[in-house]
Amino acid sequence: MTSYLIGHITVKNDKLWQEYLTGVQESLIPFKSKIILRGPLVSVLTGKHEHNLVVVIEFHDQATLDNWYTSTKYQSLIPIRDKAADLVLMTY
């Protein structure tokens, strides 16, 4: 069953964020996943939300998503990610 990674993001360092995005795009290729949505949050209709960017990435299934997240390539990007942004990642 199709699985999705959803990220809610606040960028702290634009240069590092761009480096991270480039690496993420490369890391997704072997997993045949695709970015469904990436951009600014338009509005919050109910409640509070602290982040201003959203990403949705589609994977074939949860196992593929997990294999991507634990891949050597993606794991090497985490230190850059953590310096570049505050974020929450969820899977559905």
PDB file of N, CA and C in Angstrom:
ATOM      1  N   MET A   1       0.827  -1.170   0.000  1.00  0.00           N
ATOM      2  CA  MET A   1       0.000   0.000   0.000  1.00  0.00           C
ATOM      3  C   MET A   1       0.883   1.250   0.000  1.00  0.00           C
ATOM      4  N   THR A   2       0.521   2.239  -0.765  1.00  0.00           N
ATOM      5  CA  THR A   2       1.279   3.482  -0.876  1.00  0.00           C
ATOM      6  C   THR A   2       1.447   4.120   0.502  1.00  0.00           C
ATOM      7  N   SER A   3       2.660   4.633   0.761  1.00  0.00           N
ATOM      8  CA  SER A   3       2.948   5.347   2.005  1.00  0.00           C
ATOM      9  C   SER A   3       3.467   6.736   1.675  1.00  0.00           C
ATOM     10  N   TYR A   4       3.249   7.641   2.598  1.00  0.00           N
ATOM     11  CA  TYR A   4       3.649   9.033   2.404  1.00  0.00           C
ATOM     12  C   TYR A   4       4.482   9.520   3.578  1.00  0.00           C
ATOM     13  N   LEU A   5       5.528  10.250   3.261  1.00  0.00           N
ATOM     14  CA  LEU A   5       6.290  10.986   4.259  1.00  0.00           C
ATOM     15  C   LEU A   5       5.801  12.425   4.186  1.00  0.00           C
ATOM     16  N   ILE A   6       5.433  12.971   5.328  1.00  0.00           N
ATOM     17  CA  ILE A   6       4.971  14.354   5.389  1.00  0.00           C
ATOM     18  C   ILE A   6       5.893  15.101   6.334  1.00  0.00           C
ATOM     19  N   GLY A   7       6.397  16.222   5.864  1.00  0.00           N
ATOM     20  CA  GLY A   7       7.270  17.045   6.686  1.00  0.00           C
ATOM     21  C   GLY A   7       6.697  18.434   6.855  1.00  0.00           C
ATOM     22  N   HIS A   8       6.770  18.932   8.069  1.00  0.00           N
ATOM     23  CA  HIS A   8       6.423  20.318   8.386  1.00  0.00           C
ATOM     24  C   HIS A   8       7.722  20.981   8.805  1.00  0.00           C
ATOM     25  N   ILE A   9       8.077  22.097   8.163  1.00  0.00           N
ATOM     26  CA  ILE A   9       9.452  22.602   8.184  1.00  0.00           C
ATOM     27  C   ILE A   9       9.500  24.098   8.425  1.00  0.00           C
ATOM     28  N   THR A  10      10.520  24.515   9.191  1.00  0.00           N
ATOM     29  CA  THR A  10      10.905  25.916   9.310  1.00  0.00           C
ATOM     30  C   THR A  10      12.401  25.988   9.030  1.00  0.00           C
ATOM     31  N   VAL A  11      12.780  26.659   7.963  1.00  0.00           N
ATOM     32  CA  VAL A  11      14.180  26.753   7.555  1.00  0.00           C
ATOM     33  C   VAL A  11      14.912  27.774   8.429  1.00  0.00           C
ATOM     34  N   LYS A  12      16.113  27.373   8.891  1.00  0.00           N
ATOM     35  CA  LYS A  12      16.959  28.253   9.696  1.00  0.00           C
ATOM     36  C   LYS A  12      18.160  28.774   8.906  1.00  0.00           C
ATOM     37  N   ASN A  13      18.587  28.010   7.896  1.00  0.00           N
ATOM     38  CA  ASN A  13      19.772  28.356   7.118  1.00  0.00           C
ATOM     39  C   ASN A  13      19.500  27.988   5.654  1.00  0.00           C
ATOM     40  N   ASP A  14      19.252  29.008   4.820  1.00  0.00           N
ATOM     41  CA  ASP A  14      18.865  28.764   3.421  1.00  0.00           C
ATOM     42  C   ASP A  14      19.922  28.008   2.627  1.00  0.00           C
ATOM     43  N   LYS A  15      21.187  28.347   2.810  1.00  0.00           N
ATOM     44  CA  LYS A  15      22.255  27.695   2.042  1.00  0.00           C
ATOM     45  C   LYS A  15      22.326  26.202   2.380  1.00  0.00           C
ATOM     46  N   LEU A  16      22.316  25.878   3.662  1.00  0.00           N
ATOM     47  CA  LEU A  16      22.338  24.466   4.051  1.00  0.00           C
ATOM     48  C   LEU A  16      21.064  23.747   3.625  1.00  0.00           C
ATOM     49  N   TRP A  17      19.944  24.452   3.661  1.00  0.00           N
ATOM     50  CA  TRP A  17      18.685  23.840   3.240  1.00  0.00           C
ATOM     51  C   TRP A  17      18.737  23.448   1.767  1.00  0.00           C
ATOM     52  N   GLN A  18      19.284  24.297   0.941  1.00  0.00           N
ATOM     53  CA  GLN A  18      19.405  23.973  -0.488  1.00  0.00           C
ATOM     54  C   GLN A  18      20.326  22.776  -0.698  1.00  0.00           C
ATOM     55  N   GLU A  19      21.401  22.697   0.072  1.00  0.00           N
ATOM     56  CA  GLU A  19      22.303  21.542  -0.003  1.00  0.00           C
ATOM     57  C   GLU A  19      21.555  20.263   0.398  1.00  0.00           C
ATOM     58  N   TYR A  20      20.772  20.344   1.452  1.00  0.00           N
ATOM     59  CA  TYR A  20      19.972  19.203   1.912  1.00  0.00           C
ATOM     60  C   TYR A  20      18.958  18.779   0.845  1.00  0.00           C
ATOM     61  N   LEU A  21      18.240  19.749   0.254  1.00  0.00           N
ATOM     62  CA  LEU A  21      17.234  19.423  -0.762  1.00  0.00           C
ATOM     63  C   LEU A  21      17.848  18.702  -1.952  1.00  0.00           C
ATOM     64  N   THR A  22      19.006  19.159  -2.386  1.00  0.00           N
ATOM     65  CA  THR A  22      19.691  18.502  -3.496  1.00  0.00           C
ATOM     66  C   THR A  22      20.014  17.057  -3.136  1.00  0.00           C
ATOM     67  N   GLY A  23      20.519  16.854  -1.936  1.00  0.00           N
ATOM     68  CA  GLY A  23      20.849  15.503  -1.490  1.00  0.00           C
ATOM     69  C   GLY A  23      19.620  14.615  -1.372  1.00  0.00           C
ATOM     70  N   VAL A  24      18.518  15.171  -0.869  1.00  0.00           N
ATOM     71  CA  VAL A  24      17.287  14.390  -0.738  1.00  0.00           C
ATOM     72  C   VAL A  24      16.792  13.953  -2.114  1.00  0.00           C
ATOM     73  N   GLN A  25      16.782  14.860  -3.072  1.00  0.00           N
ATOM     74  CA  GLN A  25      16.324  14.496  -4.417  1.00  0.00           C
ATOM     75  C   GLN A  25      17.145  13.348  -4.978  1.00  0.00           C
ATOM     76  N   GLU A  26      18.464  13.389  -4.781  1.00  0.00           N
ATOM     77  CA  GLU A  26      19.333  12.302  -5.242  1.00  0.00           C
ATOM     78  C   GLU A  26      19.040  11.009  -4.488  1.00  0.00           C
ATOM     79  N   SER A  27      18.781  11.130  -3.183  1.00  0.00           N
ATOM     80  CA  SER A  27      18.562   9.938  -2.364  1.00  0.00           C
ATOM     81  C   SER A  27      17.263   9.222  -2.702  1.00  0.00           C
ATOM     82  N   LEU A  28      16.305   9.932  -3.257  1.00  0.00           N
ATOM     83  CA  LEU A  28      15.003   9.338  -3.580  1.00  0.00           C
ATOM     84  C   LEU A  28      15.025   8.495  -4.851  1.00  0.00           C
ATOM     85  N   ILE A  29      15.953   8.768  -5.757  1.00  0.00           N
ATOM     86  CA  ILE A  29      15.969   8.120  -7.077  1.00  0.00           C
ATOM     87  C   ILE A  29      15.952   6.591  -6.997  1.00  0.00           C
ATOM     88  N   PRO A  30      16.831   5.960  -6.201  1.00  0.00           N
ATOM     89  CA  PRO A  30      16.820   4.490  -6.180  1.00  0.00           C
ATOM     90  C   PRO A  30      15.526   3.887  -5.615  1.00  0.00           C
ATOM     91  N   PHE A  31      14.749   4.684  -4.916  1.00  0.00           N
ATOM     92  CA  PHE A  31      13.541   4.183  -4.275  1.00  0.00           C
ATOM     93  C   PHE A  31      12.278   4.472  -5.085  1.00  0.00           C
ATOM     94  N   LYS A  32      12.474   5.033  -6.266  1.00  0.00           N
ATOM     95  CA  LYS A  32      11.372   5.305  -7.202  1.00  0.00           C
ATOM     96  C   LYS A  32      10.204   6.012  -6.502  1.00  0.00           C
ATOM     97  N   SER A  33      10.565   6.984  -5.684  1.00  0.00           N
ATOM     98  CA  SER A  33       9.552   7.767  -4.983  1.00  0.00           C
ATOM     99  C   SER A  33       9.432   9.121  -5.670  1.00  0.00           C
ATOM    100  N   LYS A  34       8.380   9.856  -5.309  1.00  0.00           N
ATOM    101  CA  LYS A  34       8.249  11.169  -5.939  1.00  0.00           C
ATOM    102  C   LYS A  34       7.709  12.185  -4.947  1.00  0.00           C
ATOM    103  N   ILE A  35       8.153  13.407  -5.149  1.00  0.00           N
ATOM    104  CA  ILE A  35       7.682  14.514  -4.334  1.00  0.00           C
ATOM    105  C   ILE A  35       6.331  14.942  -4.889  1.00  0.00           C
ATOM    106  N   ILE A  36       5.310  14.834  -4.076  1.00  0.00           N
ATOM    107  CA  ILE A  36       3.950  15.195  -4.460  1.00  0.00           C
ATOM    108  C   ILE A  36       3.736  16.698  -4.279  1.00  0.00           C
ATOM    109  N   LEU A  37       4.249  17.212  -3.186  1.00  0.00           N
ATOM    110  CA  LEU A  37       4.042  18.613  -2.838  1.00  0.00           C
ATOM    111  C   LEU A  37       5.224  19.105  -2.030  1.00  0.00           C
ATOM    112  N   ARG A  38       5.712  20.290  -2.375  1.00  0.00           N
ATOM    113  CA  ARG A  38       6.735  20.943  -1.550  1.00  0.00           C
ATOM    114  C   ARG A  38       6.534  22.439  -1.721  1.00  0.00           C
ATOM    115  N   GLY A  39       6.267  23.108  -0.622  1.00  0.00           N
ATOM    116  CA  GLY A  39       6.084  24.544  -0.725  1.00  0.00           C
ATOM    117  C   GLY A  39       5.605  25.162   0.565  1.00  0.00           C
ATOM    118  N   PRO A  40       5.266  26.442   0.479  1.00  0.00           N
ATOM    119  CA  PRO A  40       4.837  27.156   1.682  1.00  0.00           C
ATOM    120  C   PRO A  40       3.438  26.756   2.124  1.00  0.00           C
ATOM    121  N   LEU A  41       3.260  26.727   3.424  1.00  0.00           N
ATOM    122  CA  LEU A  41       1.941  26.530   4.004  1.00  0.00           C
ATOM    123  C   LEU A  41       1.110  27.766   3.690  1.00  0.00           C
ATOM    124  N   VAL A  42      -0.069  27.584   3.163  1.00  0.00           N
ATOM    125  CA  VAL A  42      -0.916  28.703   2.763  1.00  0.00           C
ATOM    126  C   VAL A  42      -1.703  29.242   3.955  1.00  0.00           C
ATOM    127  N   SER A  43      -2.352  28.364   4.694  1.00  0.00           N
ATOM    128  CA  SER A  43      -3.120  28.829   5.847  1.00  0.00           C
ATOM    129  C   SER A  43      -3.346  27.681   6.814  1.00  0.00           C
ATOM    130  N   VAL A  44      -3.605  28.021   8.058  1.00  0.00           N
ATOM    131  CA  VAL A  44      -4.008  27.070   9.084  1.00  0.00           C
ATOM    132  C   VAL A  44      -5.460  27.394   9.395  1.00  0.00           C
ATOM    133  N   LEU A  45      -6.336  26.456   9.143  1.00  0.00           N
ATOM    134  CA  LEU A  45      -7.765  26.704   9.299  1.00  0.00           C
ATOM    135  C   LEU A  45      -8.237  26.530  10.739  1.00  0.00           C
ATOM    136  N   THR A  46      -7.593  25.637  11.464  1.00  0.00           N
ATOM    137  CA  THR A  46      -7.964  25.391  12.852  1.00  0.00           C
ATOM    138  C   THR A  46      -6.708  25.077  13.654  1.00  0.00           C
ATOM    139  N   GLY A  47      -6.598  25.625  14.836  1.00  0.00           N
ATOM    140  CA  GLY A  47      -5.480  25.316  15.712  1.00  0.00           C
ATOM    141  C   GLY A  47      -4.239  26.133  15.410  1.00  0.00           C
ATOM    142  N   LYS A  48      -3.124  25.678  15.974  1.00  0.00           N
ATOM    143  CA  LYS A  48      -1.838  26.362  15.809  1.00  0.00           C
ATOM    144  C   LYS A  48      -0.873  25.449  15.061  1.00  0.00           C
ATOM    145  N   HIS A  49      -0.038  26.068  14.279  1.00  0.00           N
ATOM    146  CA  HIS A  49       0.973  25.320  13.529  1.00  0.00           C
ATOM    147  C   HIS A  49       2.217  26.175  13.475  1.00  0.00           C
ATOM    148  N   GLU A  50       3.347  25.625  13.916  1.00  0.00           N
ATOM    149  CA  GLU A  50       4.551  26.441  14.044  1.00  0.00           C
ATOM    150  C   GLU A  50       5.430  26.486  12.791  1.00  0.00           C
ATOM    151  N   HIS A  51       5.205  25.616  11.827  1.00  0.00           N
ATOM    152  CA  HIS A  51       6.082  25.563  10.657  1.00  0.00           C
ATOM    153  C   HIS A  51       5.433  26.244   9.454  1.00  0.00           C
ATOM    154  N   ASN A  52       6.279  26.662   8.495  1.00  0.00           N
ATOM    155  CA  ASN A  52       5.748  27.414   7.348  1.00  0.00           C
ATOM    156  C   ASN A  52       5.960  26.736   5.997  1.00  0.00           C
ATOM    157  N   LEU A  53       6.595  25.576   5.971  1.00  0.00           N
ATOM    158  CA  LEU A  53       6.770  24.813   4.736  1.00  0.00           C
ATOM    159  C   LEU A  53       6.233  23.399   4.936  1.00  0.00           C
ATOM    160  N   VAL A  54       5.818  22.793   3.828  1.00  0.00           N
ATOM    161  CA  VAL A  54       5.272  21.431   3.860  1.00  0.00           C
ATOM    162  C   VAL A  54       5.882  20.634   2.709  1.00  0.00           C
ATOM    163  N   VAL A  55       6.155  19.352   2.961  1.00  0.00           N
ATOM    164  CA  VAL A  55       6.562  18.444   1.892  1.00  0.00           C
ATOM    165  C   VAL A  55       5.774  17.151   2.044  1.00  0.00           C
ATOM    166  N   VAL A  56       5.378  16.575   0.910  1.00  0.00           N
ATOM    167  CA  VAL A  56       4.724  15.269   0.879  1.00  0.00           C
ATOM    168  C   VAL A  56       5.462  14.442  -0.170  1.00  0.00           C
ATOM    169  N   ILE A  57       5.987  13.292   0.248  1.00  0.00           N
ATOM    170  CA  ILE A  57       6.722  12.405  -0.658  1.00  0.00           C
ATOM    171  C   ILE A  57       6.025  11.054  -0.665  1.00  0.00           C
ATOM    172  N   GLU A  58       5.765  10.542  -1.862  1.00  0.00           N
ATOM    173  CA  GLU A  58       5.070   9.265  -2.034  1.00  0.00           C
ATOM    174  C   GLU A  58       6.082   8.137  -2.231  1.00  0.00           C
ATOM    175  N   PHE A  59       5.854   7.031  -1.514  1.00  0.00           N
ATOM    176  CA  PHE A  59       6.654   5.822  -1.641  1.00  0.00           C
ATOM    177  C   PHE A  59       5.730   4.658  -1.975  1.00  0.00           C
ATOM    178  N   HIS A  60       6.283   3.625  -2.594  1.00  0.00           N
ATOM    179  CA  HIS A  60       5.490   2.448  -2.970  1.00  0.00           C
ATOM    180  C   HIS A  60       4.798   1.842  -1.751  1.00  0.00           C
ATOM    181  N   ASP A  61       5.523   1.752  -0.633  1.00  0.00           N
ATOM    182  CA  ASP A  61       4.963   1.188   0.592  1.00  0.00           C
ATOM    183  C   ASP A  61       5.812   1.640   1.782  1.00  0.00           C
ATOM    184  N   GLN A  62       5.384   1.267   2.980  1.00  0.00           N
ATOM    185  CA  GLN A  62       6.100   1.700   4.187  1.00  0.00           C
ATOM    186  C   GLN A  62       7.506   1.116   4.247  1.00  0.00           C
ATOM    187  N   ALA A  63       7.690  -0.102   3.793  1.00  0.00           N
ATOM    188  CA  ALA A  63       9.021  -0.716   3.808  1.00  0.00           C
ATOM    189  C   ALA A  63       9.991   0.081   2.936  1.00  0.00           C
ATOM    190  N   THR A  64       9.535   0.517   1.777  1.00  0.00           N
ATOM    191  CA  THR A  64      10.383   1.328   0.897  1.00  0.00           C
ATOM    192  C   THR A  64      10.708   2.656   1.550  1.00  0.00           C
ATOM    193  N   LEU A  65       9.730   3.273   2.180  1.00  0.00           N
ATOM    194  CA  LEU A  65       9.968   4.530   2.890  1.00  0.00           C
ATOM    195  C   LEU A  65      10.998   4.316   3.996  1.00  0.00           C
ATOM    196  N   ASP A  66      10.826   3.266   4.784  1.00  0.00           N
ATOM    197  CA  ASP A  66      11.776   2.976   5.862  1.00  0.00           C
ATOM    198  C   ASP A  66      13.173   2.703   5.324  1.00  0.00           C
ATOM    199  N   ASN A  67      13.266   1.977   4.214  1.00  0.00           N
ATOM    200  CA  ASN A  67      14.578   1.692   3.617  1.00  0.00           C
ATOM    201  C   ASN A  67      15.249   2.968   3.115  1.00  0.00           C
ATOM    202  N   TRP A  68      14.457   3.883   2.547  1.00  0.00           N
ATOM    203  CA  TRP A  68      15.020   5.175   2.142  1.00  0.00           C
ATOM    204  C   TRP A  68      15.526   5.935   3.361  1.00  0.00           C
ATOM    205  N   TYR A  69      14.693   6.043   4.403  1.00  0.00           N
ATOM    206  CA  TYR A  69      15.066   6.836   5.578  1.00  0.00           C
ATOM    207  C   TYR A  69      16.332   6.294   6.237  1.00  0.00           C
ATOM    208  N   THR A  70      16.488   4.985   6.264  1.00  0.00           N
ATOM    209  CA  THR A  70      17.664   4.390   6.910  1.00  0.00           C
ATOM    210  C   THR A  70      18.838   4.196   5.949  1.00  0.00           C
ATOM    211  N   SER A  71      18.663   4.593   4.692  1.00  0.00           N
ATOM    212  CA  SER A  71      19.744   4.432   3.710  1.00  0.00           C
ATOM    213  C   SER A  71      20.963   5.268   4.103  1.00  0.00           C
ATOM    214  N   THR A  72      22.112   4.809   3.684  1.00  0.00           N
ATOM    215  CA  THR A  72      23.356   5.526   3.963  1.00  0.00           C
ATOM    216  C   THR A  72      23.306   6.943   3.420  1.00  0.00           C
ATOM    217  N   LYS A  73      22.773   7.108   2.217  1.00  0.00           N
ATOM    218  CA  LYS A  73      22.702   8.437   1.595  1.00  0.00           C
ATOM    219  C   LYS A  73      21.848   9.387   2.429  1.00  0.00           C
ATOM    220  N   TYR A  74      20.630   8.951   2.800  1.00  0.00           N
ATOM    221  CA  TYR A  74      19.782   9.861   3.561  1.00  0.00           C
ATOM    222  C   TYR A  74      20.349  10.103   4.958  1.00  0.00           C
ATOM    223  N   GLN A  75      20.839   9.077   5.593  1.00  0.00           N
ATOM    224  CA  GLN A  75      21.405   9.256   6.937  1.00  0.00           C
ATOM    225  C   GLN A  75      22.563  10.255   6.927  1.00  0.00           C
ATOM    226  N   SER A  76      23.316  10.308   5.819  1.00  0.00           N
ATOM    227  CA  SER A  76      24.424  11.269   5.731  1.00  0.00           C
ATOM    228  C   SER A  76      23.920  12.707   5.629  1.00  0.00           C
ATOM    229  N   LEU A  77      22.664  12.890   5.256  1.00  0.00           N
ATOM    230  CA  LEU A  77      22.078  14.226   5.122  1.00  0.00           C
ATOM    231  C   LEU A  77      21.493  14.761   6.430  1.00  0.00           C
ATOM    232  N   ILE A  78      21.271  13.907   7.398  1.00  0.00           N
ATOM    233  CA  ILE A  78      20.609  14.324   8.630  1.00  0.00           C
ATOM    234  C   ILE A  78      21.375  15.420   9.379  1.00  0.00           C
ATOM    235  N   PRO A  79      22.691  15.360   9.511  1.00  0.00           N
ATOM    236  CA  PRO A  79      23.380  16.465  10.189  1.00  0.00           C
ATOM    237  C   PRO A  79      23.184  17.814   9.480  1.00  0.00           C
ATOM    238  N   ILE A  80      23.149  17.792   8.151  1.00  0.00           N
ATOM    239  CA  ILE A  80      22.886  19.023   7.389  1.00  0.00           C
ATOM    240  C   ILE A  80      21.456  19.477   7.643  1.00  0.00           C
ATOM    241  N   ARG A  81      20.521  18.545   7.561  1.00  0.00           N
ATOM    242  CA  ARG A  81      19.111  18.851   7.805  1.00  0.00           C
ATOM    243  C   ARG A  81      18.905  19.505   9.161  1.00  0.00           C
ATOM    244  N   ASP A  82      19.534  18.931  10.185  1.00  0.00           N
ATOM    245  CA  ASP A  82      19.313  19.425  11.540  1.00  0.00           C
ATOM    246  C   ASP A  82      19.896  20.821  11.756  1.00  0.00           C
ATOM    247  N   LYS A  83      20.942  21.167  11.015  1.00  0.00           N
ATOM    248  CA  LYS A  83      21.486  22.527  11.077  1.00  0.00           C
ATOM    249  C   LYS A  83      20.668  23.497  10.227  1.00  0.00           C
ATOM    250  N   ALA A  84      20.053  22.972   9.178  1.00  0.00           N
ATOM    251  CA  ALA A  84      19.343  23.804   8.214  1.00  0.00           C
ATOM    252  C   ALA A  84      17.926  24.160   8.636  1.00  0.00           C
ATOM    253  N   ALA A  85      17.271  23.292   9.410  1.00  0.00           N
ATOM    254  CA  ALA A  85      15.841  23.511   9.658  1.00  0.00           C
ATOM    255  C   ALA A  85      15.373  22.823  10.932  1.00  0.00           C
ATOM    256  N   ASP A  86      14.269  23.321  11.448  1.00  0.00           N
ATOM    257  CA  ASP A  86      13.491  22.625  12.464  1.00  0.00           C
ATOM    258  C   ASP A  86      12.340  21.961  11.713  1.00  0.00           C
ATOM    259  N   LEU A  87      12.086  20.705  12.013  1.00  0.00           N
ATOM    260  CA  LEU A  87      11.035  20.024  11.278  1.00  0.00           C
ATOM    261  C   LEU A  87      10.451  18.867  12.047  1.00  0.00           C
ATOM    262  N   VAL A  88       9.302  18.449  11.584  1.00  0.00           N
ATOM    263  CA  VAL A  88       8.630  17.262  12.056  1.00  0.00           C
ATOM    264  C   VAL A  88       8.392  16.395  10.826  1.00  0.00           C
ATOM    265  N   LEU A  89       8.808  15.121  10.899  1.00  0.00           N
ATOM    266  CA  LEU A  89       8.543  14.179   9.815  1.00  0.00           C
ATOM    267  C   LEU A  89       7.588  13.118  10.321  1.00  0.00           C
ATOM    268  N   MET A  90       6.593  12.800   9.506  1.00  0.00           N
ATOM    269  CA  MET A  90       5.594  11.787   9.851  1.00  0.00           C
ATOM    270  C   MET A  90       5.397  10.881   8.646  1.00  0.00           C
ATOM    271  N   THR A  91       4.915   9.684   8.902  1.00  0.00           N
ATOM    272  CA  THR A  91       4.576   8.778   7.814  1.00  0.00           C
ATOM    273  C   THR A  91       3.117   8.365   7.935  1.00  0.00           C
ATOM    274  N   TYR A  92       2.514   8.157   6.772  1.00  0.00           N
ATOM    275  CA  TYR A  92       1.120   7.735   6.690  1.00  0.00           C
ATOM    276  C   TYR A  92       1.001   6.624   5.672  1.00  0.00           C
TER     277      TYR A  92
END
